[in-house]
Structure formats: C-alpha cells, structure tokens
Amino acid sequence: MSAGSSSVLHRRSPHRRTSPYGLVCDTSPRWRGEEQLMRAAVHSLTLTDFRSYEHADLTPAGRSVYLFGPNGAGKTNLLEALSLFSPGRGMRSASASELGRRGPGEPQGRAWAVSAVIEGDDGAARLGTGLESASAARRQVRVEGETVPPGRLVEHLRPLWLTPAQDRLFLEGASERRRFFDRLVFAAEPIHAAHVGAYERALRERSRLLSEPGADPAWLTALEGRMAEAGARMADARAATLQALQVEIDGRGDRPFPQADLGLTGEFERMALSGATAAQIEPRLAADLAAGRARDAAAGRALIGPHRTDLGVSHRERGRPAAECSTGEQKALILNLVLAQAARLSRAKSPPNPILLLDEVAAHLDQLRRAALTDEIEALGLQAFLTGTDEALFDHFKGRALGVRVNASRLELVDRE
C-alpha cells in the first residue's frame, strides 16, 4: 500500500465537509460498495531500544504468530510495539517517554524506534514510529520515510487488541468501558477519534469557563455548539457500531463463545438507536447543555452528554449482566465481542482489514475454545499475534502459525510452519 493511499480521514470527496465549528465531517455511507476489500499484514517488525529490547527483528511474512515464554520475558512488549501503529498511546496507554529502554543507572529511557513493513494489496509500505531524542515530548510517525500525522497509520494497519488489563472491564467504572467501546468504533470509523477529541476539548473549556464568575454566555454557546456537533456524531457512530456488532454476534451462535446482548445507556445514543440522525440529535444536545449550565457549574462537571455513556453487556444464555458472571465467562464475552468486530471489519469495504493482538488470552480458555479461536482466526483470513507462558496453549496453532520462544527479550523460532 503506497504512502499516498487515501482514508476516511484524508480523502477529498463530495462527502467531506467542514462544519461551522471547524469539525471535519464524513457524510458518506459507512459501507461504500465501490471500494474493494483491502488486505494488510505485518511482513516484518524491528525494535530498537524499545522497552526491554536493545534490538529485535521478527519476520512473520504475513503469518500469524504465537509468542510463549516466562512472565517478564518481553512478549507483551512486542504486541505493544505493533499497537503503536495506530493513533494514540497503544495498548498500555503509555506515554512516549516511558517506552524507551533504560540501562542501569540511566535516569530516563532512551530514544527508541519501532518499524514495520506492511504487506498490502498495492504492495509493501514501510511504517515507523519512535522518539528521535530521549527528551522529545511526542513520538514521530513516518510512512515511507515521510513524517505524517498519526492518523495516517489507519490507511495501512488497523490493530485490535485484548489484554489482561481488560479482564476487569465489566467491574471497573463506565469510563473504561466507554474507552474500550470507542476503540471498537474507531477501528471501523477512524474519524470517530477526531469527533471524540473535539468534544472533549470543548467539554474541558466549558467546564473551566463555568468555574469562573461572570462566564461569557456567547462563548459558552459557541463551546456548546462544538460539543453538540461532535457529540451528535459520536452518538451516531456508537449506535451504528453497536447495531452492527449485535448483528454479528447474533450470527455467531454456532461458536463455543457466549453470546452477548449489548446496550448503550446514553440518552443521545438511545436517540440514534431509535432512528434519530446526527442532525436531529445536535440541537437537542445543545439545548440540554445550555439549560444545564447552572447545574453543571455547581457540580463542577457536565452532567449530561455522550461523555457519560456506558456500555451494557449481558450474558444471553444466563440472562444476567456480565459483571455477575465468572471471570472466565467475562473473558469469553469480551473475546467474542472483539472477534465479532474483527469479523465484520474483515468484510468491510474500507481499508485495511484488522490484525489481532491477543495478550494472554489463551490461558483463560478451555481446550475447546482455544481450538475454536484458532479456527476462527484462520477462517477470517486475519493475522493474529498471541502471547502465553506455556507453549502447550498453542498446540492448535502449530503448523498454522509462526511459533516464537521469548526469553530475556531474545527471540527463538520454534515453529516455522
């Protein structure tokens, strides 16, 4: 895939417009029939002074990879490196300065780099990211050697991940579930991240203004207009993703993973689920924000809006909320949600297809579900990277994926297919 490939974030089309508040909006249909399915896979990965690695090279050549070894060996660091080929902070939400390798006695991490060659239908693309100096504030992103905004990464790679930190997703606060779900939305609609960012910036500025005496009503109205525009599009995208995921999950009844019933608690997402358009949601949200100024000023925060939405997940067969299920059932519910998202994106007519980063997932599955996971990944035609402490966890992958033993941040190939 060439460095100039287009994406929903950068394509010039009659469906793109800029709102009065400067928000870039994509009004095109979500599934564009004129586009072709685009395949992408990691051909090679190189790490330099990243986390525990002084240097590492891995060449899966488009194959799935299972990584096994003791805790602390560096397995998750490899997955984290791949997760950085997407906008944001990656699967551990770490700042760029935390990612550099730190030698004995060194007060801070070193400059670091991660690079990859991505195979696509249009050829290979070279991606890179890292810190050019240990004191740099932000990581740089390059495509074919050219410095580009991080949003351009979605033109070439679309990582989806599941980590042990998400094991408590149904037991934590709403903000964790909201972030998890927004990443699923973003994987399908990259412009969603821009809408969330615009909303949150206006939300913070409005809260600051309300905390001061004599807040300018005109400026508050402008900020609420920005929040309403971005928030309406957030609600619309979340509702569309929820509906698409529910359809996908409903069609997966033959898999040995528990089916889930999904819901969103937000008032404006419920409007979208009931058929309201973003254009209809926007004035309602703006009016509610304006009416709630005194209340929000007293509370010190906005008490209404899509920033308060929660994701609801219930175990269909058991008829109970996910939070009341066993740890194993919760893990299986989350995995099925991620697999459903991967399945629908593997058919989406918008490039590229996802790759799966599954950290310590196999350890929570019984043998039947481990075999089903292997078959699912293969049937979807997706590349996956999996980690675990025990090689036996990946018996079903042997002969079908590249096996790598990881020990003290050293890689040893043990299964070359």
Protein backbone atom coordinates (compact mmCIF):
# COMPACT_ATOMS: atom_id res chain seq x y z
CA MET A 1 0.00 0.00 0.00
CA SER A 2 1.52 3.28 -1.03
CA ALA A 3 2.17 6.20 1.30
CA GLY A 4 -0.38 8.21 -0.62
CA SER A 5 -3.26 5.79 -0.06
CA SER A 6 -6.48 7.50 0.91
CA SER A 7 -8.58 7.01 4.02
CA VAL A 8 -11.71 8.42 5.51
CA LEU A 9 -9.54 10.93 7.38
CA HIS A 10 -7.80 12.35 4.32
CA ARG A 11 -9.87 11.59 1.24
CA ARG A 12 -11.17 14.56 -0.70
CA SER A 13 -14.68 13.68 -1.77
CA PRO A 14 -18.12 15.23 -2.12
CA HIS A 15 -18.97 13.54 1.20
CA ARG A 16 -16.40 15.56 3.16
CA ARG A 17 -17.29 18.94 4.60
CA THR A 18 -16.08 21.25 7.33
CA SER A 19 -18.64 22.40 9.87
CA PRO A 20 -19.05 25.99 11.11
CA TYR A 21 -17.04 24.93 14.18
CA GLY A 22 -14.13 23.59 12.10
CA LEU A 23 -15.02 19.92 12.60
CA VAL A 24 -14.27 17.71 9.61
CA CYS A 25 -17.34 15.59 8.89
CA ASP A 26 -17.64 12.49 6.71
CA THR A 27 -21.19 12.17 5.40
CA SER A 28 -20.55 9.22 3.11
CA PRO A 29 -22.25 5.85 3.63
CA ARG A 30 -20.41 3.68 6.13
CA TRP A 31 -20.11 0.75 3.73
CA ARG A 32 -19.02 2.05 0.33
CA GLY A 33 -19.83 -0.54 -2.30
CA GLU A 34 -17.48 0.94 -4.90
CA GLU A 35 -14.40 0.21 -2.78
CA GLN A 36 -12.59 -3.10 -2.80
CA LEU A 37 -11.62 -5.20 0.19
CA MET A 38 -8.04 -4.34 1.17
CA ARG A 39 -5.79 -6.87 2.86
CA ALA A 40 -2.91 -5.93 5.12
CA ALA A 41 -0.47 -7.97 7.19
CA VAL A 42 2.81 -7.44 9.00
CA HIS A 43 5.72 -8.74 6.95
CA SER A 44 8.48 -7.71 9.36
CA LEU A 45 8.90 -5.86 12.65
CA THR A 46 12.05 -4.23 14.05
CA LEU A 47 12.52 -2.81 17.56
CA THR A 48 15.40 -0.60 18.67
CA ASP A 49 15.80 0.40 22.34
CA PHE A 50 12.10 -0.27 22.87
CA ARG A 51 11.04 -1.35 26.36
CA SER A 52 13.23 -4.36 27.26
CA TYR A 53 14.65 -4.78 23.76
CA GLU A 54 18.00 -3.38 22.70
CA HIS A 55 17.27 -4.74 19.23
CA ALA A 56 14.89 -7.32 17.84
CA ASP A 57 13.80 -8.48 14.40
CA LEU A 58 10.74 -10.60 13.69
CA THR A 59 9.66 -11.61 10.18
CA PRO A 60 6.25 -13.27 10.20
CA ALA A 61 5.85 -12.64 6.45
CA GLY A 62 2.10 -12.20 6.86
CA ARG A 63 1.58 -15.28 9.07
CA SER A 64 0.01 -15.35 12.48
CA VAL A 65 2.46 -15.58 15.38
CA TYR A 66 2.27 -17.14 18.83
CA LEU A 67 4.79 -15.98 21.41
CA PHE A 68 5.45 -18.00 24.55
CA GLY A 69 7.84 -17.73 27.46
CA PRO A 70 8.02 -16.84 31.15
CA ASN A 71 6.46 -13.74 32.65
CA GLY A 72 8.63 -10.68 32.10
CA ALA A 73 10.32 -12.18 29.03
CA GLY A 74 9.16 -9.37 26.71
CA LYS A 75 6.19 -10.98 24.92
CA THR A 76 3.71 -8.18 25.58
CA ASN A 77 6.30 -5.58 24.57
CA LEU A 78 6.19 -6.96 21.02
CA LEU A 79 2.41 -6.64 20.91
CA GLU A 80 2.63 -3.13 22.34
CA ALA A 81 5.07 -2.17 19.59
CA LEU A 82 2.53 -3.27 16.97
CA SER A 83 -0.28 -1.41 18.76
CA LEU A 84 1.66 1.83 18.26
CA PHE A 85 0.90 1.61 14.54
CA SER A 86 -2.40 3.27 15.34
CA PRO A 87 -3.16 6.76 16.66
CA GLY A 88 -2.99 7.16 20.41
CA ARG A 89 -0.86 5.61 23.14
CA GLY A 90 -1.17 1.96 22.21
CA MET A 91 -2.42 -0.99 24.22
CA ARG A 92 -0.81 0.06 27.52
CA SER A 93 -1.72 3.76 27.25
CA ALA A 94 1.90 4.63 27.98
CA SER A 95 3.49 8.00 27.23
CA ALA A 96 6.20 8.04 24.58
CA SER A 97 8.88 8.77 27.19
CA GLU A 98 8.03 5.55 29.06
CA LEU A 99 8.74 3.33 26.07
CA GLY A 100 12.49 3.78 25.73
CA ARG A 101 14.87 1.14 27.09
CA ARG A 102 16.58 2.26 30.27
CA GLY A 103 20.05 0.96 31.05
CA PRO A 104 21.48 0.57 34.57
CA GLY A 105 21.85 3.98 36.20
CA GLU A 106 20.12 5.84 33.38
CA PRO A 107 17.64 8.40 34.75
CA GLN A 108 15.30 8.19 31.77
CA GLY A 109 14.50 5.97 28.83
CA ARG A 110 16.47 6.25 25.62
CA ALA A 111 15.31 7.39 22.22
CA TRP A 112 13.55 4.42 20.62
CA ALA A 113 12.18 3.24 17.31
CA VAL A 114 9.73 0.67 16.01
CA SER A 115 9.46 -0.02 12.29
CA ALA A 116 7.46 -2.45 10.20
CA VAL A 117 6.93 -3.48 6.62
CA ILE A 118 3.23 -3.94 5.93
CA GLU A 119 2.11 -6.09 3.03
CA GLY A 120 -0.97 -4.80 1.24
CA ASP A 121 -2.83 -5.35 -1.99
CA ASP A 122 -0.95 -2.44 -3.54
CA GLY A 123 2.47 -3.62 -2.41
CA ALA A 124 4.53 -3.03 0.72
CA ALA A 125 4.58 0.07 2.93
CA ARG A 126 7.27 0.96 5.45
CA LEU A 127 5.95 2.40 8.69
CA GLY A 128 7.97 3.78 11.57
CA THR A 129 7.40 5.47 14.90
CA GLY A 130 9.54 6.49 17.84
CA LEU A 131 11.30 9.24 19.76
CA GLU A 132 14.16 10.96 17.97
CA SER A 133 15.66 12.06 21.30
CA ALA A 134 15.09 10.96 24.88
CA SER A 135 13.78 14.41 25.78
CA ALA A 136 11.26 14.62 22.93
CA ALA A 137 7.66 15.16 24.03
CA ARG A 138 5.90 13.32 21.22
CA ARG A 139 6.63 10.29 19.11
CA GLN A 140 7.14 10.79 15.41
CA VAL A 141 5.32 8.75 12.77
CA ARG A 142 6.71 8.08 9.31
CA VAL A 143 5.33 6.38 6.23
CA GLU A 144 7.91 5.58 3.58
CA GLY A 145 10.32 7.90 5.39
CA GLU A 146 7.96 10.87 5.31
CA THR A 147 6.79 12.37 8.61
CA VAL A 148 3.00 12.21 8.75
CA PRO A 149 0.23 12.72 11.34
CA PRO A 150 -0.52 9.59 13.40
CA GLY A 151 -3.99 9.43 11.83
CA ARG A 152 -2.37 8.33 8.57
CA LEU A 153 -1.49 4.98 10.14
CA VAL A 154 -5.08 3.78 9.75
CA GLU A 155 -4.53 3.72 5.99
CA HIS A 156 -2.12 0.81 6.42
CA LEU A 157 -2.87 -1.09 9.63
CA ARG A 158 -5.83 -1.47 11.97
CA PRO A 159 -4.81 -3.25 15.20
CA LEU A 160 -7.44 -4.65 17.56
CA TRP A 161 -6.22 -5.80 20.97
CA LEU A 162 -7.31 -7.63 24.06
CA THR A 163 -5.15 -7.52 27.18
CA PRO A 164 -5.26 -8.78 30.78
CA ALA A 165 -5.98 -5.19 31.86
CA GLN A 166 -9.39 -5.59 30.21
CA ASP A 167 -10.24 -8.65 32.34
CA ARG A 168 -11.95 -6.31 34.80
CA LEU A 169 -13.74 -4.34 32.11
CA PHE A 170 -17.19 -5.19 33.48
CA LEU A 171 -16.16 -4.50 37.07
CA GLU A 172 -14.49 -1.11 36.52
CA GLY A 173 -16.17 2.26 36.08
CA ALA A 174 -18.07 3.38 32.99
CA SER A 175 -15.09 5.34 31.63
CA GLU A 176 -13.11 2.13 30.99
CA ARG A 177 -15.97 0.50 29.09
CA ARG A 178 -16.57 3.72 27.16
CA ARG A 179 -12.92 3.87 26.07
CA PHE A 180 -12.99 0.19 25.12
CA PHE A 181 -16.10 0.66 23.01
CA ASP A 182 -14.83 3.87 21.42
CA ARG A 183 -11.77 1.96 20.22
CA LEU A 184 -14.09 -0.54 18.53
CA VAL A 185 -15.95 2.37 16.92
CA PHE A 186 -12.68 3.99 15.87
CA ALA A 187 -11.48 0.76 14.22
CA ALA A 188 -14.47 0.91 11.89
CA GLU A 189 -14.74 4.70 11.58
CA PRO A 190 -11.37 6.41 12.11
CA ILE A 191 -12.95 9.87 12.07
CA HIS A 192 -14.68 8.98 15.35
CA ALA A 193 -11.41 9.73 17.16
CA ALA A 194 -11.45 13.28 15.80
CA HIS A 195 -15.02 13.76 16.98
CA VAL A 196 -14.20 12.44 20.47
CA GLY A 197 -11.16 14.72 20.66
CA ALA A 198 -13.13 17.78 19.56
CA TYR A 199 -15.89 17.04 22.06
CA GLU A 200 -13.50 16.52 24.98
CA ARG A 201 -11.58 19.73 24.25
CA ALA A 202 -14.77 21.77 24.18
CA LEU A 203 -16.03 19.97 27.31
CA ARG A 204 -12.89 20.89 29.27
CA GLU A 205 -13.04 24.52 28.13
CA ARG A 206 -16.72 24.80 29.02
CA SER A 207 -16.08 23.34 32.49
CA ARG A 208 -13.24 25.80 33.04
CA LEU A 209 -15.40 28.72 31.92
CA LEU A 210 -18.29 27.68 34.17
CA SER A 211 -15.95 27.59 37.15
CA GLU A 212 -15.17 31.28 36.74
CA PRO A 213 -17.50 34.12 37.80
CA GLY A 214 -19.19 36.05 35.01
CA ALA A 215 -18.74 33.44 32.29
CA ASP A 216 -19.38 34.87 28.83
CA PRO A 217 -22.74 33.45 27.59
CA ALA A 218 -21.76 33.87 23.94
CA TRP A 219 -18.56 31.89 24.43
CA LEU A 220 -20.47 29.19 26.33
CA THR A 221 -22.95 28.97 23.45
CA ALA A 222 -20.09 28.54 20.98
CA LEU A 223 -18.49 25.80 23.08
CA GLU A 224 -21.81 24.02 23.50
CA GLY A 225 -22.27 24.22 19.74
CA ARG A 226 -18.96 22.43 19.25
CA MET A 227 -19.88 19.84 21.86
CA ALA A 228 -23.29 19.28 20.30
CA GLU A 229 -21.92 18.84 16.80
CA ALA A 230 -19.14 16.46 17.80
CA GLY A 231 -21.29 14.72 20.42
CA ALA A 232 -24.10 14.03 17.96
CA ARG A 233 -21.67 12.36 15.60
CA MET A 234 -20.17 10.37 18.48
CA ALA A 235 -23.64 9.12 19.45
CA ASP A 236 -24.47 8.28 15.85
CA ALA A 237 -21.24 6.32 15.32
CA ARG A 238 -21.57 4.45 18.61
CA ALA A 239 -25.14 3.45 17.81
CA ALA A 240 -24.20 2.25 14.33
CA THR A 241 -21.30 0.19 15.71
CA LEU A 242 -23.47 -1.30 18.45
CA GLN A 243 -26.11 -2.36 15.94
CA ALA A 244 -23.55 -3.86 13.57
CA LEU A 245 -21.83 -5.75 16.40
CA GLN A 246 -25.13 -7.10 17.71
CA VAL A 247 -26.00 -8.43 14.26
CA GLU A 248 -22.56 -10.04 14.02
CA ILE A 249 -22.83 -11.60 17.48
CA ASP A 250 -26.34 -12.90 16.74
CA GLY A 251 -24.94 -14.71 13.71
CA ARG A 252 -22.23 -16.42 15.73
CA GLY A 253 -24.44 -18.85 17.63
CA ASP A 254 -22.51 -21.86 16.34
CA ARG A 255 -19.29 -20.77 18.10
CA PRO A 256 -18.42 -22.01 21.60
CA PHE A 257 -18.26 -18.45 22.88
CA PRO A 258 -21.11 -16.93 24.91
CA GLN A 259 -23.41 -14.61 23.04
CA ALA A 260 -23.94 -11.13 24.42
CA ASP A 261 -26.78 -8.64 24.38
CA LEU A 262 -25.38 -5.12 24.01
CA GLY A 263 -26.76 -1.76 25.02
CA LEU A 264 -25.76 1.88 25.49
CA THR A 265 -27.08 3.93 28.40
CA GLY A 266 -26.55 7.38 26.93
CA GLU A 267 -29.64 9.41 26.13
CA PHE A 268 -28.26 10.59 22.80
CA GLU A 269 -27.07 7.13 21.75
CA ARG A 270 -30.57 5.86 22.53
CA MET A 271 -31.95 8.57 20.24
CA ALA A 272 -29.65 7.35 17.48
CA LEU A 273 -30.65 3.73 18.09
CA SER A 274 -34.28 4.82 17.76
CA GLY A 275 -33.59 6.28 14.33
CA ALA A 276 -32.69 9.92 15.03
CA THR A 277 -29.99 11.37 12.79
CA ALA A 278 -26.97 13.34 13.97
CA ALA A 279 -28.66 16.46 12.60
CA GLN A 280 -31.65 15.78 14.86
CA ILE A 281 -29.54 14.94 17.92
CA GLU A 282 -27.32 18.03 17.66
CA PRO A 283 -29.89 20.75 18.57
CA ARG A 284 -31.28 18.62 21.39
CA LEU A 285 -27.81 18.20 22.93
CA ALA A 286 -27.02 21.91 22.51
CA ALA A 287 -30.29 22.89 24.21
CA ASP A 288 -29.76 20.47 27.11
CA LEU A 289 -26.23 21.78 27.68
CA ALA A 290 -27.42 25.39 27.69
CA ALA A 291 -30.25 24.56 30.10
CA GLY A 292 -27.85 22.77 32.44
CA ARG A 293 -25.24 25.50 32.91
CA ALA A 294 -26.16 26.37 36.49
CA ARG A 295 -26.38 22.72 37.50
CA ASP A 296 -23.06 21.87 35.81
CA ALA A 297 -21.36 24.90 37.38
CA ALA A 298 -22.48 23.75 40.84
CA ALA A 299 -21.38 20.16 40.19
CA GLY A 300 -18.05 21.19 38.67
CA ARG A 301 -18.64 18.96 35.64
CA ALA A 302 -21.13 18.40 32.83
CA LEU A 303 -23.82 16.00 33.98
CA ILE A 304 -25.26 15.27 30.56
CA GLY A 305 -23.68 14.29 27.25
CA PRO A 306 -22.06 11.36 25.46
CA HIS A 307 -19.07 11.54 27.83
CA ARG A 308 -21.31 9.86 30.43
CA THR A 309 -22.45 6.95 28.26
CA ASP A 310 -21.86 3.40 29.46
CA LEU A 311 -21.69 0.12 27.55
CA GLY A 312 -24.02 -2.57 28.85
CA VAL A 313 -23.22 -6.25 28.18
CA SER A 314 -25.34 -9.21 29.30
CA HIS A 315 -24.71 -12.95 29.02
CA ARG A 316 -27.66 -14.03 26.87
CA GLU A 317 -27.85 -17.68 27.91
CA ARG A 318 -27.55 -16.90 31.61
CA GLY A 319 -29.74 -13.83 31.41
CA ARG A 320 -27.53 -11.78 33.70
CA PRO A 321 -25.20 -8.78 33.41
CA ALA A 322 -21.61 -9.58 32.52
CA ALA A 323 -20.46 -8.15 35.85
CA GLU A 324 -22.25 -11.02 37.61
CA CYS A 325 -20.61 -13.74 35.50
CA SER A 326 -17.47 -15.68 36.33
CA THR A 327 -14.04 -14.36 35.33
CA GLY A 328 -13.81 -16.97 32.58
CA GLU A 329 -17.24 -16.08 31.23
CA GLN A 330 -16.39 -12.39 31.25
CA LYS A 331 -13.18 -13.04 29.34
CA ALA A 332 -15.05 -15.15 26.77
CA LEU A 333 -17.70 -12.43 26.36
CA ILE A 334 -15.04 -9.78 25.68
CA LEU A 335 -13.18 -12.08 23.30
CA ASN A 336 -16.37 -12.81 21.35
CA LEU A 337 -17.02 -9.06 21.12
CA VAL A 338 -13.54 -8.44 19.71
CA LEU A 339 -13.85 -11.40 17.31
CA ALA A 340 -17.22 -10.12 16.13
CA GLN A 341 -15.66 -6.74 15.42
CA ALA A 342 -12.76 -8.39 13.58
CA ALA A 343 -15.19 -10.48 11.53
CA ARG A 344 -17.24 -7.53 10.38
CA LEU A 345 -14.16 -5.43 9.63
CA SER A 346 -12.65 -8.30 7.64
CA ARG A 347 -15.59 -7.89 5.24
CA ALA A 348 -15.77 -4.10 5.35
CA LYS A 349 -15.22 -2.31 2.09
CA SER A 350 -12.88 0.19 3.69
CA PRO A 351 -9.16 -0.47 4.01
CA PRO A 352 -7.39 -2.10 5.69
CA ASN A 353 -8.53 -5.28 7.44
CA PRO A 354 -7.64 -5.61 11.14
CA ILE A 355 -4.84 -7.55 12.79
CA LEU A 356 -5.46 -9.12 16.21
CA LEU A 357 -3.21 -8.61 19.24
CA LEU A 358 -4.31 -11.10 21.92
CA ASP A 359 -2.26 -10.89 25.10
CA GLU A 360 -2.54 -13.87 27.48
CA VAL A 361 -5.97 -14.73 26.08
CA ALA A 362 -5.43 -18.48 25.53
CA ALA A 363 -4.72 -19.09 29.23
CA HIS A 364 -8.33 -18.18 30.08
CA LEU A 365 -9.86 -20.54 27.52
CA ASP A 366 -10.55 -24.25 27.75
CA GLN A 367 -9.26 -26.58 25.05
CA LEU A 368 -12.47 -26.39 23.02
CA ARG A 369 -12.42 -22.61 22.91
CA ARG A 370 -8.68 -22.48 22.14
CA ALA A 371 -9.31 -24.72 19.13
CA ALA A 372 -12.28 -22.56 18.10
CA LEU A 373 -10.18 -19.40 18.39
CA THR A 374 -7.55 -20.92 16.08
CA ASP A 375 -10.17 -21.92 13.53
CA GLU A 376 -11.87 -18.52 13.74
CA ILE A 377 -8.67 -16.58 13.04
CA GLU A 378 -7.86 -18.85 10.12
CA ALA A 379 -11.39 -18.68 8.70
CA LEU A 380 -11.39 -14.88 8.84
CA GLY A 381 -8.08 -14.78 6.97
CA LEU A 382 -6.64 -12.40 9.56
CA GLN A 383 -3.17 -12.15 11.00
CA ALA A 384 -3.02 -12.54 14.78
CA PHE A 385 -0.28 -12.18 17.39
CA LEU A 386 -0.88 -14.12 20.60
CA THR A 387 1.08 -14.50 23.83
CA GLY A 388 1.13 -17.04 26.65
CA THR A 389 3.51 -18.54 29.17
CA ASP A 390 3.08 -22.18 28.13
CA GLU A 391 3.83 -23.50 24.65
CA ALA A 392 1.10 -26.14 25.09
CA LEU A 393 -1.52 -23.37 25.00
CA PHE A 394 -0.83 -23.06 21.28
CA ASP A 395 -0.94 -26.70 20.22
CA HIS A 396 -3.82 -25.91 17.85
CA PHE A 397 -1.73 -23.20 16.18
CA LYS A 398 1.23 -25.45 15.42
CA GLY A 399 1.72 -25.89 11.72
CA ARG A 400 -0.64 -22.97 11.12
CA ALA A 401 1.35 -20.07 12.61
CA LEU A 402 4.88 -18.99 13.40
CA GLY A 403 5.97 -20.06 16.88
CA VAL A 404 8.47 -17.93 18.80
CA ARG A 405 10.02 -18.62 22.19
CA VAL A 406 10.74 -15.39 24.08
CA ASN A 407 13.23 -15.37 26.92
CA ALA A 408 15.00 -12.32 28.36
CA SER A 409 13.94 -10.29 25.32
CA ARG A 410 15.52 -12.76 22.90
CA LEU A 411 13.50 -14.43 20.15
CA GLU A 412 13.91 -18.04 19.05
CA LEU A 413 11.82 -19.53 16.22
CA VAL A 414 10.46 -22.96 17.12
CA ASP A 415 7.62 -23.48 14.64
CA ARG A 416 8.18 -22.27 11.10
CA GLU A 417 5.05 -23.95 9.73
